[in-house]
């Protein structure tokens, strides 16, 4: 369930609601189902995945479509070979790259990835100010899920049962 703080009697702690309302940006929250984790409720990351043969234009178009600011670049077998962020695109273009250039030559090949057998908290600990997107790979090296920096700021709020 998603919504805003003014959507109804969702805030049971007035001090918490007041604190959230005082923040300078809008906060989106989610009431998580019990025991939800990346193994039982994976997100669809297909829009975040592009083949190595993609051009900078294709990467930029996908980034512009709203994919959490990251593209996972995969080879013909679906194995992750690198990732591409808004910053990588900016650096490529400022360095003189053409839009029809192969994105592969500008992607980040030295990425950090998480493990499916690790807990959500263990994977979240890998995120830093520099590492804002963490792909979780299967045993074959194929991306299965993506954890982002924004998850550190997600505020779960419980709805009272009446």
C-alpha atoms as a PDB file:
ATOM      1  CA  UNK A   1       0.000   0.000   0.000  1.00  0.00           C
ATOM      2  CA  UNK A   2       1.362   3.377  -0.977  1.00  0.00           C
ATOM      3  CA  UNK A   3       0.098   6.829  -0.193  1.00  0.00           C
ATOM      4  CA  UNK A   4       0.700  10.136   1.439  1.00  0.00           C
ATOM      5  CA  UNK A   5       0.469  11.051   5.087  1.00  0.00           C
ATOM      6  CA  UNK A   6      -2.775  12.904   4.545  1.00  0.00           C
ATOM      7  CA  UNK A   7      -4.483   9.827   3.069  1.00  0.00           C
ATOM      8  CA  UNK A   8      -6.067   8.743   6.307  1.00  0.00           C
ATOM      9  CA  UNK A   9      -5.426   7.432   9.818  1.00  0.00           C
ATOM     10  CA  UNK A  10      -2.151   5.739   8.885  1.00  0.00           C
ATOM     11  CA  UNK A  11       0.037   7.670  11.345  1.00  0.00           C
ATOM     12  CA  UNK A  12      -0.339   6.253  14.825  1.00  0.00           C
ATOM     13  CA  UNK A  13       2.538   8.231  16.349  1.00  0.00           C
ATOM     14  CA  UNK A  14       1.862  11.958  16.094  1.00  0.00           C
ATOM     15  CA  UNK A  15       5.497  12.898  16.746  1.00  0.00           C
ATOM     16  CA  UNK A  16       6.649  10.705  13.853  1.00  0.00           C
ATOM     17  CA  UNK A  17       4.058  12.166  11.500  1.00  0.00           C
ATOM     18  CA  UNK A  18       5.042  15.695  12.508  1.00  0.00           C
ATOM     19  CA  UNK A  19       8.702  14.870  11.908  1.00  0.00           C
ATOM     20  CA  UNK A  20       7.975  13.438   8.465  1.00  0.00           C
ATOM     21  CA  UNK A  21       5.823  16.416   7.511  1.00  0.00           C
ATOM     22  CA  UNK A  22       8.615  18.785   8.527  1.00  0.00           C
ATOM     23  CA  UNK A  23      11.091  17.237   6.090  1.00  0.00           C
ATOM     24  CA  UNK A  24      11.760  19.364   2.991  1.00  0.00           C
ATOM     25  CA  UNK A  25      10.964  16.623   0.475  1.00  0.00           C
ATOM     26  CA  UNK A  26       8.055  14.331  -0.152  1.00  0.00           C
ATOM     27  CA  UNK A  27       8.471  10.888   1.347  1.00  0.00           C
ATOM     28  CA  UNK A  28       6.996   7.835  -0.249  1.00  0.00           C
ATOM     29  CA  UNK A  29       6.363   4.954   2.072  1.00  0.00           C
ATOM     30  CA  UNK A  30       5.266   1.409   1.766  1.00  0.00           C
ATOM     31  CA  UNK A  31       3.539  -0.845   4.235  1.00  0.00           C
ATOM     32  CA  UNK A  32       5.551  -4.026   3.761  1.00  0.00           C
ATOM     33  CA  UNK A  33       3.870  -7.424   3.906  1.00  0.00           C
ATOM     34  CA  UNK A  34       5.012  -9.554   6.814  1.00  0.00           C
ATOM     35  CA  UNK A  35       8.474 -11.051   6.349  1.00  0.00           C
ATOM     36  CA  UNK A  36       8.912  -9.544   2.878  1.00  0.00           C
ATOM     37  CA  UNK A  37      12.417  -9.949   1.520  1.00  0.00           C
ATOM     38  CA  UNK A  38      14.256 -10.070  -1.771  1.00  0.00           C
ATOM     39  CA  UNK A  39      13.896 -13.837  -1.982  1.00  0.00           C
ATOM     40  CA  UNK A  40      10.116 -13.969  -1.573  1.00  0.00           C
ATOM     41  CA  UNK A  41       9.137 -10.731  -3.352  1.00  0.00           C
ATOM     42  CA  UNK A  42      11.661  -9.869  -6.049  1.00  0.00           C
ATOM     43  CA  UNK A  43      11.110  -6.726  -8.062  1.00  0.00           C
ATOM     44  CA  UNK A  44      11.002  -6.661 -11.849  1.00  0.00           C
ATOM     45  CA  UNK A  45      14.364  -5.320 -13.039  1.00  0.00           C
ATOM     46  CA  UNK A  46      13.939  -6.155 -16.726  1.00  0.00           C
ATOM     47  CA  UNK A  47      13.797  -2.425 -17.610  1.00  0.00           C
ATOM     48  CA  UNK A  48      17.197  -1.967 -15.929  1.00  0.00           C
ATOM     49  CA  UNK A  49      18.878  -4.534 -18.184  1.00  0.00           C
ATOM     50  CA  UNK A  50      20.382  -3.825 -21.614  1.00  0.00           C
ATOM     51  CA  UNK A  51      22.705  -5.904 -23.801  1.00  0.00           C
ATOM     52  CA  UNK A  52      26.372  -4.976 -24.223  1.00  0.00           C
ATOM     53  CA  UNK A  53      25.747  -4.021 -27.854  1.00  0.00           C
ATOM     54  CA  UNK A  54      23.542  -1.055 -26.766  1.00  0.00           C
ATOM     55  CA  UNK A  55      24.459   2.477 -27.806  1.00  0.00           C
ATOM     56  CA  UNK A  56      24.803   5.479 -25.529  1.00  0.00           C
ATOM     57  CA  UNK A  57      21.512   6.766 -26.964  1.00  0.00           C
ATOM     58  CA  UNK A  58      19.709   3.550 -25.937  1.00  0.00           C
ATOM     59  CA  UNK A  59      21.201   3.726 -22.451  1.00  0.00           C
ATOM     60  CA  UNK A  60      20.246   7.399 -22.079  1.00  0.00           C
ATOM     61  CA  UNK A  61      16.699   6.731 -23.299  1.00  0.00           C
ATOM     62  CA  UNK A  62      16.301   3.935 -20.753  1.00  0.00           C
ATOM     63  CA  UNK A  63      17.803   6.044 -17.944  1.00  0.00           C
ATOM     64  CA  UNK A  64      15.422   8.843 -18.901  1.00  0.00           C
ATOM     65  CA  UNK A  65      12.484   6.419 -18.654  1.00  0.00           C
ATOM     66  CA  UNK A  66      13.047   6.156 -14.897  1.00  0.00           C
ATOM     67  CA  UNK A  67      14.942   3.038 -13.904  1.00  0.00           C
ATOM     68  CA  UNK A  68      16.400   4.181 -10.568  1.00  0.00           C
ATOM     69  CA  UNK A  69      19.338   5.802 -12.385  1.00  0.00           C
ATOM     70  CA  UNK A  70      21.151   2.581 -13.289  1.00  0.00           C
ATOM     71  CA  UNK A  71      21.393   0.207 -16.238  1.00  0.00           C
ATOM     72  CA  UNK A  72      22.794  -3.299 -15.838  1.00  0.00           C
ATOM     73  CA  UNK A  73      24.781  -4.293 -18.930  1.00  0.00           C
ATOM     74  CA  UNK A  74      24.675  -8.029 -19.749  1.00  0.00           C
ATOM     75  CA  UNK A  75      26.340 -10.315 -22.281  1.00  0.00           C
ATOM     76  CA  UNK A  76      24.558 -12.758 -24.602  1.00  0.00           C
ATOM     77  CA  UNK A  77      24.073 -15.264 -21.767  1.00  0.00           C
ATOM     78  CA  UNK A  78      22.550 -12.629 -19.489  1.00  0.00           C
ATOM     79  CA  UNK A  79      25.623 -12.385 -17.229  1.00  0.00           C
ATOM     80  CA  UNK A  80      26.281  -8.945 -15.843  1.00  0.00           C
ATOM     81  CA  UNK A  81      29.387  -7.346 -17.289  1.00  0.00           C
ATOM     82  CA  UNK A  82      29.035  -3.814 -15.948  1.00  0.00           C
ATOM     83  CA  UNK A  83      26.668  -1.054 -14.999  1.00  0.00           C
ATOM     84  CA  UNK A  84      25.895   2.349 -16.390  1.00  0.00           C
ATOM     85  CA  UNK A  85      24.684   5.316 -14.350  1.00  0.00           C
ATOM     86  CA  UNK A  86      23.694   8.894 -15.133  1.00  0.00           C
ATOM     87  CA  UNK A  87      27.206   9.911 -14.113  1.00  0.00           C
ATOM     88  CA  UNK A  88      28.792   7.462 -16.560  1.00  0.00           C
ATOM     89  CA  UNK A  89      26.626   8.922 -19.334  1.00  0.00           C
ATOM     90  CA  UNK A  90      27.577  12.469 -18.383  1.00  0.00           C
ATOM     91  CA  UNK A  91      31.299  11.636 -18.334  1.00  0.00           C
ATOM     92  CA  UNK A  92      31.074   9.870 -21.717  1.00  0.00           C
ATOM     93  CA  UNK A  93      29.310  12.794 -23.382  1.00  0.00           C
ATOM     94  CA  UNK A  94      31.597  15.406 -21.838  1.00  0.00           C
ATOM     95  CA  UNK A  95      34.531  13.320 -23.052  1.00  0.00           C
ATOM     96  CA  UNK A  96      33.282  13.648 -26.625  1.00  0.00           C
ATOM     97  CA  UNK A  97      31.401  10.364 -27.096  1.00  0.00           C
ATOM     98  CA  UNK A  98      28.812  10.248 -29.866  1.00  0.00           C
ATOM     99  CA  UNK A  99      25.280   9.093 -29.087  1.00  0.00           C
ATOM    100  CA  UNK A 100      25.671   6.181 -31.487  1.00  0.00           C
ATOM    101  CA  UNK A 101      28.861   4.988 -29.731  1.00  0.00           C
ATOM    102  CA  UNK A 102      28.876   1.604 -28.004  1.00  0.00           C
ATOM    103  CA  UNK A 103      27.911   2.070 -24.360  1.00  0.00           C
ATOM    104  CA  UNK A 104      30.094  -0.889 -23.379  1.00  0.00           C
ATOM    105  CA  UNK A 105      33.271   1.169 -23.639  1.00  0.00           C
ATOM    106  CA  UNK A 106      31.936   3.691 -21.090  1.00  0.00           C
ATOM    107  CA  UNK A 107      30.270   1.371 -18.564  1.00  0.00           C
ATOM    108  CA  UNK A 108      31.668   0.682 -15.113  1.00  0.00           C
ATOM    109  CA  UNK A 109      33.193  -2.810 -15.149  1.00  0.00           C
ATOM    110  CA  UNK A 110      34.345  -2.585 -11.525  1.00  0.00           C
ATOM    111  CA  UNK A 111      30.972  -2.817  -9.821  1.00  0.00           C
ATOM    112  CA  UNK A 112      29.998  -4.242  -6.458  1.00  0.00           C
ATOM    113  CA  UNK A 113      27.286  -6.896  -6.383  1.00  0.00           C
ATOM    114  CA  UNK A 114      25.356  -8.575  -3.596  1.00  0.00           C
ATOM    115  CA  UNK A 115      24.524 -12.205  -2.984  1.00  0.00           C
ATOM    116  CA  UNK A 116      21.104 -13.826  -3.076  1.00  0.00           C
ATOM    117  CA  UNK A 117      21.991 -16.028  -0.099  1.00  0.00           C
ATOM    118  CA  UNK A 118      22.909 -12.995   2.042  1.00  0.00           C
ATOM    119  CA  UNK A 119      20.339 -11.305   4.240  1.00  0.00           C
ATOM    120  CA  UNK A 120      18.767  -8.036   3.179  1.00  0.00           C
ATOM    121  CA  UNK A 121      20.734  -6.250   5.919  1.00  0.00           C
ATOM    122  CA  UNK A 122      24.046  -7.771   4.792  1.00  0.00           C
ATOM    123  CA  UNK A 123      23.417  -6.588   1.250  1.00  0.00           C
ATOM    124  CA  UNK A 124      22.300  -3.129   2.403  1.00  0.00           C
ATOM    125  CA  UNK A 125      25.592  -2.763   4.300  1.00  0.00           C
ATOM    126  CA  UNK A 126      27.416  -2.893   0.949  1.00  0.00           C
ATOM    127  CA  UNK A 127      25.760   0.374  -0.088  1.00  0.00           C
ATOM    128  CA  UNK A 128      27.842   3.482   0.533  1.00  0.00           C
ATOM    129  CA  UNK A 129      27.887   7.076  -0.595  1.00  0.00           C
ATOM    130  CA  UNK A 130      29.783   5.888  -3.669  1.00  0.00           C
ATOM    131  CA  UNK A 131      27.922   2.583  -4.188  1.00  0.00           C
ATOM    132  CA  UNK A 132      24.277   3.583  -4.572  1.00  0.00           C
ATOM    133  CA  UNK A 133      23.024   0.610  -6.587  1.00  0.00           C
ATOM    134  CA  UNK A 134      23.654  -3.009  -5.690  1.00  0.00           C
ATOM    135  CA  UNK A 135      22.700  -5.693  -8.204  1.00  0.00           C
ATOM    136  CA  UNK A 136      22.048  -9.107  -6.698  1.00  0.00           C
ATOM    137  CA  UNK A 137      23.392 -11.820  -8.988  1.00  0.00           C
ATOM    138  CA  UNK A 138      22.533 -15.495  -9.218  1.00  0.00           C
ATOM    139  CA  UNK A 139      25.208 -18.204  -9.233  1.00  0.00           C
ATOM    140  CA  UNK A 140      25.708 -17.737 -12.994  1.00  0.00           C
ATOM    141  CA  UNK A 141      26.317 -13.988 -12.604  1.00  0.00           C
ATOM    142  CA  UNK A 142      22.919 -12.917 -13.974  1.00  0.00           C
ATOM    143  CA  UNK A 143      21.175  -9.965 -12.282  1.00  0.00           C
ATOM    144  CA  UNK A 144      18.090 -11.012 -10.342  1.00  0.00           C
ATOM    145  CA  UNK A 145      17.302  -7.989  -8.188  1.00  0.00           C
ATOM    146  CA  UNK A 146      18.523  -4.473  -7.596  1.00  0.00           C
ATOM    147  CA  UNK A 147      18.871  -2.778  -4.223  1.00  0.00           C
ATOM    148  CA  UNK A 148      19.257   0.981  -4.237  1.00  0.00           C
ATOM    149  CA  UNK A 149      20.425   3.682  -1.873  1.00  0.00           C
ATOM    150  CA  UNK A 150      16.805   4.852  -1.587  1.00  0.00           C
ATOM    151  CA  UNK A 151      15.960   1.696   0.367  1.00  0.00           C
ATOM    152  CA  UNK A 152      18.073   2.956   3.242  1.00  0.00           C
ATOM    153  CA  UNK A 153      15.650   5.864   3.521  1.00  0.00           C
ATOM    154  CA  UNK A 154      12.424   3.906   3.093  1.00  0.00           C
ATOM    155  CA  UNK A 155      10.222   4.411   6.104  1.00  0.00           C
ATOM    156  CA  UNK A 156       7.894   1.502   6.802  1.00  0.00           C
ATOM    157  CA  UNK A 157       4.683   2.560   8.463  1.00  0.00           C
ATOM    158  CA  UNK A 158       2.204   0.079   9.831  1.00  0.00           C
ATOM    159  CA  UNK A 159      -1.509   0.442   9.410  1.00  0.00           C
ATOM    160  CA  UNK A 160      -3.429  -0.302  12.597  1.00  0.00           C
ATOM    161  CA  UNK A 161      -5.835  -3.218  12.426  1.00  0.00           C
ATOM    162  CA  UNK A 162      -9.209  -2.255  13.791  1.00  0.00           C
END
